Amino acid sequence: MNKNYEDELHGIIKAFGESAILENIIIIGSWATYFYVKIFEGFIPSIRTFDVDCYVPMNKKIIVKKSVKEALKPLNYDQVV
């Protein structure tokens, strides 16, 4: 796996954690398998896309310190509409 993508993911997870976003979402999709390495011995992830997919429960009141846009701005991510 390309170390740059790993570093990017770590930065995103850290930003989401510091903003209390991580407490309200579940990482899904191919990047979720990256974390399986820590859970299942010998597991080799198969990262197929470069986007990070998140599940946001609809029936839960979400309280965050910063929005996703604000949390990712220091990492040079910007919202494109």
Foldseek 3Di string as FASTA:
>chain_A
DDVVLVVVVVLLCVLCVVFVNVVFKDWDDQVNQVCCCVVDPPRDGDRDDSDIDIDGDPPDDDDTNDDSQVSCVVVVDHDDD
